[in-house]
mmCIF file of all heavy atoms, coordinates in Angstrom:
data_MODEL
# 
_entry.id   MODEL 
# 
loop_
_atom_site.group_PDB 
_atom_site.id 
_atom_site.type_symbol 
_atom_site.label_atom_id 
_atom_site.label_alt_id 
_atom_site.label_comp_id 
_atom_site.label_asym_id 
_atom_site.label_entity_id 
_atom_site.label_seq_id 
_atom_site.pdbx_PDB_ins_code 
_atom_site.Cartn_x 
_atom_site.Cartn_y 
_atom_site.Cartn_z 
_atom_site.occupancy 
_atom_site.B_iso_or_equiv 
_atom_site.pdbx_formal_charge 
_atom_site.auth_seq_id 
_atom_site.auth_comp_id 
_atom_site.auth_asym_id 
_atom_site.auth_atom_id 
_atom_site.pdbx_PDB_model_num 
ATOM 1   N N   . ALA A 1 1  ? 0.819   -1.189 -0.007  1.00 0.00 ? 1  ALA A N   1 
ATOM 2   C CA  . ALA A 1 1  ? -0.029  0.022  0.010   1.00 0.00 ? 1  ALA A CA  1 
ATOM 3   C C   . ALA A 1 1  ? 0.846   1.288  -0.004  1.00 0.00 ? 1  ALA A C   1 
ATOM 4   O O   . ALA A 1 1  ? 0.560   2.204  -0.703  1.00 0.00 ? 1  ALA A O   1 
ATOM 5   C CB  . ALA A 1 1  ? -0.911  -0.033 1.248   1.00 0.00 ? 1  ALA A CB  1 
ATOM 6   N N   . PHE A 1 2  ? 1.937   1.249  0.747   1.00 0.00 ? 2  PHE A N   1 
ATOM 7   C CA  . PHE A 1 2  ? 2.868   2.399  0.827   1.00 0.00 ? 2  PHE A CA  1 
ATOM 8   C C   . PHE A 1 2  ? 3.571   2.640  -0.522  1.00 0.00 ? 2  PHE A C   1 
ATOM 9   O O   . PHE A 1 2  ? 3.923   3.771  -0.873  1.00 0.00 ? 2  PHE A O   1 
ATOM 10  C CB  . PHE A 1 2  ? 3.926   2.145  1.813   1.00 0.00 ? 2  PHE A CB  1 
ATOM 11  C CG  . PHE A 1 2  ? 3.561   2.654  3.251   1.00 0.00 ? 2  PHE A CG  1 
ATOM 12  C CD1 . PHE A 1 2  ? 3.140   1.766  4.171   1.00 0.00 ? 2  PHE A CD1 1 
ATOM 13  C CD2 . PHE A 1 2  ? 3.477   3.974  3.542   1.00 0.00 ? 2  PHE A CD2 1 
ATOM 14  C CE1 . PHE A 1 2  ? 2.808   2.154  5.489   1.00 0.00 ? 2  PHE A CE1 1 
ATOM 15  C CE2 . PHE A 1 2  ? 3.125   4.460  4.785   1.00 0.00 ? 2  PHE A CE2 1 
ATOM 16  C CZ  . PHE A 1 2  ? 2.749   3.530  5.802   1.00 0.00 ? 2  PHE A CZ  1 
ATOM 17  N N   . LYS A 1 3  ? 3.576   1.624  -1.364  1.00 0.00 ? 3  LYS A N   1 
ATOM 18  C CA  . LYS A 1 3  ? 4.330   1.767  -2.761  1.00 0.00 ? 3  LYS A CA  1 
ATOM 19  C C   . LYS A 1 3  ? 3.341   2.210  -3.806  1.00 0.00 ? 3  LYS A C   1 
ATOM 20  O O   . LYS A 1 3  ? 3.728   2.344  -4.973  1.00 0.00 ? 3  LYS A O   1 
ATOM 21  C CB  . LYS A 1 3  ? 4.972   0.454  -3.062  1.00 0.00 ? 3  LYS A CB  1 
ATOM 22  C CG  . LYS A 1 3  ? 6.179   0.076  -2.198  1.00 0.00 ? 3  LYS A CG  1 
ATOM 23  C CD  . LYS A 1 3  ? 6.703   -1.287 -2.553  1.00 0.00 ? 3  LYS A CD  1 
ATOM 24  C CE  . LYS A 1 3  ? 7.876   -1.641 -1.603  1.00 0.00 ? 3  LYS A CE  1 
ATOM 25  N NZ  . LYS A 1 3  ? 8.327   -2.965 -1.778  1.00 0.00 ? 3  LYS A NZ  1 
ATOM 26  N N   . MET A 1 4  ? 2.041   2.366  -3.435  1.00 0.00 ? 4  MET A N   1 
ATOM 27  C CA  . MET A 1 4  ? 1.045   2.838  -4.387  1.00 0.00 ? 4  MET A CA  1 
ATOM 28  C C   . MET A 1 4  ? 1.366   4.212  -4.942  1.00 0.00 ? 4  MET A C   1 
ATOM 29  O O   . MET A 1 4  ? 1.921   5.018  -4.100  1.00 0.00 ? 4  MET A O   1 
ATOM 30  C CB  . MET A 1 4  ? -0.339  2.745  -3.859  1.00 0.00 ? 4  MET A CB  1 
ATOM 31  C CG  . MET A 1 4  ? -0.874  1.358  -3.651  1.00 0.00 ? 4  MET A CG  1 
ATOM 32  S SD  . MET A 1 4  ? -2.472  1.298  -2.708  1.00 0.00 ? 4  MET A SD  1 
ATOM 33  C CE  . MET A 1 4  ? -3.570  2.131  -3.898  1.00 0.00 ? 4  MET A CE  1 
ATOM 34  N N   . PRO A 1 5  ? 1.040   4.539  -6.163  1.00 0.00 ? 5  PRO A N   1 
ATOM 35  C CA  . PRO A 1 5  ? 1.248   5.905  -6.704  1.00 0.00 ? 5  PRO A CA  1 
ATOM 36  C C   . PRO A 1 5  ? 0.474   7.058  -5.916  1.00 0.00 ? 5  PRO A C   1 
ATOM 37  O O   . PRO A 1 5  ? -0.570  6.694  -5.431  1.00 0.00 ? 5  PRO A O   1 
ATOM 38  C CB  . PRO A 1 5  ? 0.788   5.826  -8.132  1.00 0.00 ? 5  PRO A CB  1 
ATOM 39  C CG  . PRO A 1 5  ? -0.130  4.712  -8.152  1.00 0.00 ? 5  PRO A CG  1 
ATOM 40  C CD  . PRO A 1 5  ? 0.308   3.744  -7.126  1.00 0.00 ? 5  PRO A CD  1 
ATOM 41  N N   . LYS A 1 6  ? 1.121   8.196  -5.826  1.00 0.00 ? 6  LYS A N   1 
ATOM 42  C CA  . LYS A 1 6  ? 0.528   9.349  -5.139  1.00 0.00 ? 6  LYS A CA  1 
ATOM 43  C C   . LYS A 1 6  ? 0.679   10.667 -5.977  1.00 0.00 ? 6  LYS A C   1 
ATOM 44  O O   . LYS A 1 6  ? 1.058   11.623 -5.368  1.00 0.00 ? 6  LYS A O   1 
ATOM 45  C CB  . LYS A 1 6  ? 1.084   9.442  -3.697  1.00 0.00 ? 6  LYS A CB  1 
ATOM 46  C CG  . LYS A 1 6  ? 2.537   9.341  -3.627  1.00 0.00 ? 6  LYS A CG  1 
ATOM 47  C CD  . LYS A 1 6  ? 3.032   9.399  -2.186  1.00 0.00 ? 6  LYS A CD  1 
ATOM 48  C CE  . LYS A 1 6  ? 4.506   9.252  -2.094  1.00 0.00 ? 6  LYS A CE  1 
ATOM 49  N NZ  . LYS A 1 6  ? 5.032   9.424  -0.732  1.00 0.00 ? 6  LYS A NZ  1 
ATOM 50  N N   . GLU A 1 7  ? 0.411   10.514 -7.199  1.00 0.00 ? 7  GLU A N   1 
ATOM 51  C CA  . GLU A 1 7  ? 0.600   11.660 -8.070  1.00 0.00 ? 7  GLU A CA  1 
ATOM 52  C C   . GLU A 1 7  ? -0.664  12.581 -8.164  1.00 0.00 ? 7  GLU A C   1 
ATOM 53  O O   . GLU A 1 7  ? -0.479  13.815 -8.154  1.00 0.00 ? 7  GLU A O   1 
ATOM 54  C CB  . GLU A 1 7  ? 0.934   11.216 -9.555  1.00 0.00 ? 7  GLU A CB  1 
ATOM 55  C CG  . GLU A 1 7  ? 2.100   10.301 -9.673  1.00 0.00 ? 7  GLU A CG  1 
ATOM 56  C CD  . GLU A 1 7  ? 3.446   10.967 -9.362  1.00 0.00 ? 7  GLU A CD  1 
ATOM 57  O OE1 . GLU A 1 7  ? 3.572   12.189 -9.552  1.00 0.00 ? 7  GLU A OE1 1 
ATOM 58  O OE2 . GLU A 1 7  ? 4.236   10.269 -8.643  1.00 0.00 ? 7  GLU A OE2 1 
ATOM 59  N N   . THR A 1 8  ? -1.803  12.009 -8.154  1.00 0.00 ? 8  THR A N   1 
ATOM 60  C CA  . THR A 1 8  ? -3.069  12.755 -8.136  1.00 0.00 ? 8  THR A CA  1 
ATOM 61  C C   . THR A 1 8  ? -3.743  12.624 -6.837  1.00 0.00 ? 8  THR A C   1 
ATOM 62  O O   . THR A 1 8  ? -3.442  11.808 -5.986  1.00 0.00 ? 8  THR A O   1 
ATOM 63  C CB  . THR A 1 8  ? -3.969  12.260 -9.311  1.00 0.00 ? 8  THR A CB  1 
ATOM 64  O OG1 . THR A 1 8  ? -4.375  10.897 -8.882  1.00 0.00 ? 8  THR A OG1 1 
ATOM 65  C CG2 . THR A 1 8  ? -3.222  12.194 -10.639 1.00 0.00 ? 8  THR A CG2 1 
ATOM 66  N N   . GLU A 1 9  ? -4.806  13.539 -6.636  1.00 0.00 ? 9  GLU A N   1 
ATOM 67  C CA  . GLU A 1 9  ? -5.590  13.519 -5.401  1.00 0.00 ? 9  GLU A CA  1 
ATOM 68  C C   . GLU A 1 9  ? -6.264  12.169 -5.267  1.00 0.00 ? 9  GLU A C   1 
ATOM 69  O O   . GLU A 1 9  ? -6.312  11.679 -4.119  1.00 0.00 ? 9  GLU A O   1 
ATOM 70  C CB  . GLU A 1 9  ? -6.584  14.655 -5.392  1.00 0.00 ? 9  GLU A CB  1 
ATOM 71  C CG  . GLU A 1 9  ? -7.207  14.874 -4.046  1.00 0.00 ? 9  GLU A CG  1 
ATOM 72  C CD  . GLU A 1 9  ? -8.163  16.051 -4.027  1.00 0.00 ? 9  GLU A CD  1 
ATOM 73  O OE1 . GLU A 1 9  ? -7.991  16.924 -4.899  1.00 0.00 ? 9  GLU A OE1 1 
ATOM 74  O OE2 . GLU A 1 9  ? -8.973  16.060 -3.083  1.00 0.00 ? 9  GLU A OE2 1 
ATOM 75  N N   . LYS A 1 10 ? -6.816  11.607 -6.353  1.00 0.00 ? 10 LYS A N   1 
ATOM 76  C CA  . LYS A 1 10 ? -7.491  10.338 -6.305  1.00 0.00 ? 10 LYS A CA  1 
ATOM 77  C C   . LYS A 1 10 ? -6.502  9.227  -5.838  1.00 0.00 ? 10 LYS A C   1 
ATOM 78  O O   . LYS A 1 10 ? -6.819  8.446  -5.028  1.00 0.00 ? 10 LYS A O   1 
ATOM 79  C CB  . LYS A 1 10 ? -8.011  10.034 -7.657  1.00 0.00 ? 10 LYS A CB  1 
ATOM 80  C CG  . LYS A 1 10 ? -8.881  8.701  -7.675  1.00 0.00 ? 10 LYS A CG  1 
ATOM 81  C CD  . LYS A 1 10 ? -9.315  8.370  -9.126  1.00 0.00 ? 10 LYS A CD  1 
ATOM 82  C CE  . LYS A 1 10 ? -10.093 7.051  -9.067  1.00 0.00 ? 10 LYS A CE  1 
ATOM 83  N NZ  . LYS A 1 10 ? -10.380 6.572  -10.412 1.00 0.00 ? 10 LYS A NZ  1 
ATOM 84  N N   . GLN A 1 11 ? -5.284  9.308  -6.429  1.00 0.00 ? 11 GLN A N   1 
ATOM 85  C CA  . GLN A 1 11 ? -4.312  8.291  -6.047  1.00 0.00 ? 11 GLN A CA  1 
ATOM 86  C C   . GLN A 1 11 ? -3.942  8.430  -4.593  1.00 0.00 ? 11 GLN A C   1 
ATOM 87  O O   . GLN A 1 11 ? -3.705  7.400  -3.863  1.00 0.00 ? 11 GLN A O   1 
ATOM 88  C CB  . GLN A 1 11 ? -3.101  8.405  -6.919  1.00 0.00 ? 11 GLN A CB  1 
ATOM 89  C CG  . GLN A 1 11 ? -3.243  7.936  -8.389  1.00 0.00 ? 11 GLN A CG  1 
ATOM 90  C CD  . GLN A 1 11 ? -2.078  8.123  -9.199  1.00 0.00 ? 11 GLN A CD  1 
ATOM 91  O OE1 . GLN A 1 11 ? -1.201  9.008  -8.853  1.00 0.00 ? 11 GLN A OE1 1 
ATOM 92  N NE2 . GLN A 1 11 ? -1.915  7.428  -10.335 1.00 0.00 ? 11 GLN A NE2 1 
ATOM 93  N N   . ILE A 1 12 ? -3.768  9.659  -4.112  1.00 0.00 ? 12 ILE A N   1 
ATOM 94  C CA  . ILE A 1 12 ? -3.419  9.853  -2.701  1.00 0.00 ? 12 ILE A CA  1 
ATOM 95  C C   . ILE A 1 12 ? -4.504  9.292  -1.807  1.00 0.00 ? 12 ILE A C   1 
ATOM 96  O O   . ILE A 1 12 ? -4.167  8.647  -0.771  1.00 0.00 ? 12 ILE A O   1 
ATOM 97  C CB  . ILE A 1 12 ? -3.208  11.395 -2.495  1.00 0.00 ? 12 ILE A CB  1 
ATOM 98  C CG1 . ILE A 1 12 ? -1.911  11.891 -3.156  1.00 0.00 ? 12 ILE A CG1 1 
ATOM 99  C CG2 . ILE A 1 12 ? -3.193  11.724 -0.913  1.00 0.00 ? 12 ILE A CG2 1 
ATOM 100 C CD1 . ILE A 1 12 ? -1.795  13.398 -3.182  1.00 0.00 ? 12 ILE A CD1 1 
ATOM 101 N N   . ASN A 1 13 ? -5.746  9.576  -2.174  1.00 0.00 ? 13 ASN A N   1 
ATOM 102 C CA  . ASN A 1 13 ? -6.892  9.063  -1.289  1.00 0.00 ? 13 ASN A CA  1 
ATOM 103 C C   . ASN A 1 13 ? -6.924  7.493  -1.277  1.00 0.00 ? 13 ASN A C   1 
ATOM 104 O O   . ASN A 1 13 ? -7.095  6.942  -0.260  1.00 0.00 ? 13 ASN A O   1 
ATOM 105 C CB  . ASN A 1 13 ? -8.142  9.683  -1.777  1.00 0.00 ? 13 ASN A CB  1 
ATOM 106 C CG  . ASN A 1 13 ? -8.287  11.136 -1.498  1.00 0.00 ? 13 ASN A CG  1 
ATOM 107 O OD1 . ASN A 1 13 ? -7.663  11.690 -0.558  1.00 0.00 ? 13 ASN A OD1 1 
ATOM 108 N ND2 . ASN A 1 13 ? -9.129  11.837 -2.275  1.00 0.00 ? 13 ASN A ND2 1 
ATOM 109 N N   . GLU A 1 14 ? -6.722  6.946  -2.507  1.00 0.00 ? 14 GLU A N   1 
ATOM 110 C CA  . GLU A 1 14 ? -6.753  5.475  -2.615  1.00 0.00 ? 14 GLU A CA  1 
ATOM 111 C C   . GLU A 1 14 ? -5.646  4.857  -1.781  1.00 0.00 ? 14 GLU A C   1 
ATOM 112 O O   . GLU A 1 14 ? -5.810  3.849  -1.197  1.00 0.00 ? 14 GLU A O   1 
ATOM 113 C CB  . GLU A 1 14 ? -6.716  5.073  -4.091  1.00 0.00 ? 14 GLU A CB  1 
ATOM 114 C CG  . GLU A 1 14 ? -7.974  5.344  -4.826  1.00 0.00 ? 14 GLU A CG  1 
ATOM 115 C CD  . GLU A 1 14 ? -7.869  5.008  -6.371  1.00 0.00 ? 14 GLU A CD  1 
ATOM 116 O OE1 . GLU A 1 14 ? -6.729  4.796  -6.852  1.00 0.00 ? 14 GLU A OE1 1 
ATOM 117 O OE2 . GLU A 1 14 ? -8.860  4.978  -7.066  1.00 0.00 ? 14 GLU A OE2 1 
ATOM 118 N N   . ARG A 1 15 ? -4.480  5.514  -1.939  1.00 0.00 ? 15 ARG A N   1 
ATOM 119 C CA  . ARG A 1 15 ? -3.256  4.973  -1.199  1.00 0.00 ? 15 ARG A CA  1 
ATOM 120 C C   . ARG A 1 15 ? -3.558  5.100  0.312   1.00 0.00 ? 15 ARG A C   1 
ATOM 121 O O   . ARG A 1 15 ? -3.230  4.085  1.088   1.00 0.00 ? 15 ARG A O   1 
ATOM 122 C CB  . ARG A 1 15 ? -2.043  5.804  -1.655  1.00 0.00 ? 15 ARG A CB  1 
ATOM 123 C CG  . ARG A 1 15 ? -0.751  5.384  -0.866  1.00 0.00 ? 15 ARG A CG  1 
ATOM 124 C CD  . ARG A 1 15 ? 0.380   6.267  -1.442  1.00 0.00 ? 15 ARG A CD  1 
ATOM 125 N NE  . ARG A 1 15 ? 1.648   5.967  -0.699  1.00 0.00 ? 15 ARG A NE  1 
ATOM 126 C CZ  . ARG A 1 15 ? 1.973   6.668  0.451   1.00 0.00 ? 15 ARG A CZ  1 
ATOM 127 N NH1 . ARG A 1 15 ? 1.157   7.588  0.955   1.00 0.00 ? 15 ARG A NH1 1 
ATOM 128 N NH2 . ARG A 1 15 ? 3.137   6.344  1.059   1.00 0.00 ? 15 ARG A NH2 1 
ATOM 129 N N   . SER A 1 16 ? -4.066  6.215  0.754   1.00 0.00 ? 16 SER A N   1 
ATOM 130 C CA  . SER A 1 16 ? -4.317  6.362  2.141   1.00 0.00 ? 16 SER A CA  1 
ATOM 131 C C   . SER A 1 16 ? -5.264  5.365  2.718   1.00 0.00 ? 16 SER A C   1 
ATOM 132 O O   . SER A 1 16 ? -5.088  4.805  3.803   1.00 0.00 ? 16 SER A O   1 
ATOM 133 C CB  . SER A 1 16 ? -4.867  7.802  2.394   1.00 0.00 ? 16 SER A CB  1 
ATOM 134 O OG  . SER A 1 16 ? -5.136  8.040  3.760   1.00 0.00 ? 16 SER A OG  1 
ATOM 135 N N   . LYS A 1 17 ? -6.336  5.093  1.949   1.00 0.00 ? 17 LYS A N   1 
ATOM 136 C CA  . LYS A 1 17 ? -7.350  4.145  2.325   1.00 0.00 ? 17 LYS A CA  1 
ATOM 137 C C   . LYS A 1 17 ? -6.714  2.734  2.331   1.00 0.00 ? 17 LYS A C   1 
ATOM 138 O O   . LYS A 1 17 ? -6.968  1.987  3.294   1.00 0.00 ? 17 LYS A O   1 
ATOM 139 C CB  . LYS A 1 17 ? -8.546  4.112  1.356   1.00 0.00 ? 17 LYS A CB  1 
ATOM 140 C CG  . LYS A 1 17 ? -9.697  3.161  1.827   1.00 0.00 ? 17 LYS A CG  1 
ATOM 141 C CD  . LYS A 1 17 ? -10.814 3.182  0.847   1.00 0.00 ? 17 LYS A CD  1 
ATOM 142 C CE  . LYS A 1 17 ? -11.919 2.317  1.378   1.00 0.00 ? 17 LYS A CE  1 
ATOM 143 N NZ  . LYS A 1 17 ? -11.589 0.899  1.649   1.00 0.00 ? 17 LYS A NZ  1 
ATOM 144 N N   . ALA A 1 18 ? -5.924  2.439  1.376   1.00 0.00 ? 18 ALA A N   1 
ATOM 145 C CA  . ALA A 1 18 ? -5.290  1.088  1.323   1.00 0.00 ? 18 ALA A CA  1 
ATOM 146 C C   . ALA A 1 18 ? -4.337  0.902  2.541   1.00 0.00 ? 18 ALA A C   1 
ATOM 147 O O   . ALA A 1 18 ? -4.272  -0.207 3.155   1.00 0.00 ? 18 ALA A O   1 
ATOM 148 C CB  . ALA A 1 18 ? -4.502  0.949  0.012   1.00 0.00 ? 18 ALA A CB  1 
ATOM 149 N N   . ILE A 1 19 ? -3.621  1.948  2.896   1.00 0.00 ? 19 ILE A N   1 
ATOM 150 C CA  . ILE A 1 19 ? -2.666  1.863  4.072   1.00 0.00 ? 19 ILE A CA  1 
ATOM 151 C C   . ILE A 1 19 ? -3.503  1.654  5.346   1.00 0.00 ? 19 ILE A C   1 
ATOM 152 O O   . ILE A 1 19 ? -3.158  0.754  6.136   1.00 0.00 ? 19 ILE A O   1 
ATOM 153 C CB  . ILE A 1 19 ? -1.878  3.173  4.161   1.00 0.00 ? 19 ILE A CB  1 
ATOM 154 C CG1 . ILE A 1 19 ? -0.794  3.216  3.046   1.00 0.00 ? 19 ILE A CG1 1 
ATOM 155 C CG2 . ILE A 1 19 ? -1.180  3.222  5.482   1.00 0.00 ? 19 ILE A CG2 1 
ATOM 156 C CD1 . ILE A 1 19 ? -0.101  4.557  2.871   1.00 0.00 ? 19 ILE A CD1 1 
ATOM 157 N N   . GLN A 1 20 ? -4.559  2.400  5.498   1.00 0.00 ? 20 GLN A N   1 
ATOM 158 C CA  . GLN A 1 20 ? -5.442  2.271  6.747   1.00 0.00 ? 20 GLN A CA  1 
ATOM 159 C C   . GLN A 1 20 ? -6.093  0.850  6.771   1.00 0.00 ? 20 GLN A C   1 
ATOM 160 O O   . GLN A 1 20 ? -6.060  0.234  7.865   1.00 0.00 ? 20 GLN A O   1 
ATOM 161 C CB  . GLN A 1 20 ? -6.526  3.386  6.767   1.00 0.00 ? 20 GLN A CB  1 
ATOM 162 C CG  . GLN A 1 20 ? -5.999  4.718  7.128   1.00 0.00 ? 20 GLN A CG  1 
ATOM 163 C CD  . GLN A 1 20 ? -5.306  4.745  8.545   1.00 0.00 ? 20 GLN A CD  1 
ATOM 164 O OE1 . GLN A 1 20 ? -5.979  4.452  9.532   1.00 0.00 ? 20 GLN A OE1 1 
ATOM 165 N NE2 . GLN A 1 20 ? -4.083  5.017  8.600   1.00 0.00 ? 20 GLN A NE2 1 
ATOM 166 N N   . ASP A 1 21 ? -6.561  0.378  5.688   1.00 0.00 ? 21 ASP A N   1 
ATOM 167 C CA  . ASP A 1 21 ? -7.110  -0.910 5.587   1.00 0.00 ? 21 ASP A CA  1 
ATOM 168 C C   . ASP A 1 21 ? -6.067  -2.010 5.886   1.00 0.00 ? 21 ASP A C   1 
ATOM 169 O O   . ASP A 1 21 ? -6.307  -2.973 6.580   1.00 0.00 ? 21 ASP A O   1 
ATOM 170 C CB  . ASP A 1 21 ? -7.730  -1.221 4.224   1.00 0.00 ? 21 ASP A CB  1 
ATOM 171 C CG  . ASP A 1 21 ? -9.083  -0.449 3.984   1.00 0.00 ? 21 ASP A CG  1 
ATOM 172 O OD1 . ASP A 1 21 ? -9.583  0.123  4.946   1.00 0.00 ? 21 ASP A OD1 1 
ATOM 173 O OD2 . ASP A 1 21 ? -9.541  -0.331 2.862   1.00 0.00 ? 21 ASP A OD2 1 
ATOM 174 N N   . GLY A 1 22 ? -4.876  -1.753 5.379   1.00 0.00 ? 22 GLY A N   1 
ATOM 175 C CA  . GLY A 1 22 ? -3.770  -2.665 5.610   1.00 0.00 ? 22 GLY A CA  1 
ATOM 176 C C   . GLY A 1 22 ? -3.435  -2.796 7.102   1.00 0.00 ? 22 GLY A C   1 
ATOM 177 O O   . GLY A 1 22 ? -3.207  -3.854 7.603   1.00 0.00 ? 22 GLY A O   1 
ATOM 178 N N   . TYR A 1 23 ? -3.316  -1.600 7.758   1.00 0.00 ? 23 TYR A N   1 
ATOM 179 C CA  . TYR A 1 23 ? -3.045  -1.615 9.134   1.00 0.00 ? 23 TYR A CA  1 
ATOM 180 C C   . TYR A 1 23 ? -4.099  -2.284 10.024  1.00 0.00 ? 23 TYR A C   1 
ATOM 181 O O   . TYR A 1 23 ? -3.809  -2.959 10.999  1.00 0.00 ? 23 TYR A O   1 
ATOM 182 C CB  . TYR A 1 23 ? -2.785  -0.215 9.661   1.00 0.00 ? 23 TYR A CB  1 
ATOM 183 C CG  . TYR A 1 23 ? -1.328  0.320  9.504   1.00 0.00 ? 23 TYR A CG  1 
ATOM 184 C CD1 . TYR A 1 23 ? -1.110  1.449  8.736   1.00 0.00 ? 23 TYR A CD1 1 
ATOM 185 C CD2 . TYR A 1 23 ? -0.282  -0.409 10.012  1.00 0.00 ? 23 TYR A CD2 1 
ATOM 186 C CE1 . TYR A 1 23 ? 0.228   1.917  8.593   1.00 0.00 ? 23 TYR A CE1 1 
ATOM 187 C CE2 . TYR A 1 23 ? 1.015   0.065  9.819   1.00 0.00 ? 23 TYR A CE2 1 
ATOM 188 C CZ  . TYR A 1 23 ? 1.293   1.123  9.121   1.00 0.00 ? 23 TYR A CZ  1 
ATOM 189 O OH  . TYR A 1 23 ? 2.532   1.616  8.939   1.00 0.00 ? 23 TYR A OH  1 
ATOM 190 N N   . LYS A 1 24 ? -5.319  -2.150 9.562   1.00 0.00 ? 24 LYS A N   1 
ATOM 191 C CA  . LYS A 1 24 ? -6.505  -2.779 10.289  1.00 0.00 ? 24 LYS A CA  1 
ATOM 192 C C   . LYS A 1 24 ? -6.307  -4.248 10.213  1.00 0.00 ? 24 LYS A C   1 
ATOM 193 O O   . LYS A 1 24 ? -6.478  -5.008 11.176  1.00 0.00 ? 24 LYS A O   1 
ATOM 194 C CB  . LYS A 1 24 ? -7.817  -2.353 9.773   1.00 0.00 ? 24 LYS A CB  1 
ATOM 195 C CG  . LYS A 1 24 ? -8.225  -0.964 10.258  1.00 0.00 ? 24 LYS A CG  1 
ATOM 196 C CD  . LYS A 1 24 ? -9.633  -0.550 9.823   1.00 0.00 ? 24 LYS A CD  1 
ATOM 197 C CE  . LYS A 1 24 ? -10.039 0.737  10.410  1.00 0.00 ? 24 LYS A CE  1 
ATOM 198 N NZ  . LYS A 1 24 ? -11.357 1.147  9.979   1.00 0.00 ? 24 LYS A NZ  1 
# 
């Protein structure tokens, strides 16, 4: 999840959600 792209706002949000889901 940390390696997901973060170029656009959509990508940033998707990455953030994936990280939070991953930690859960």
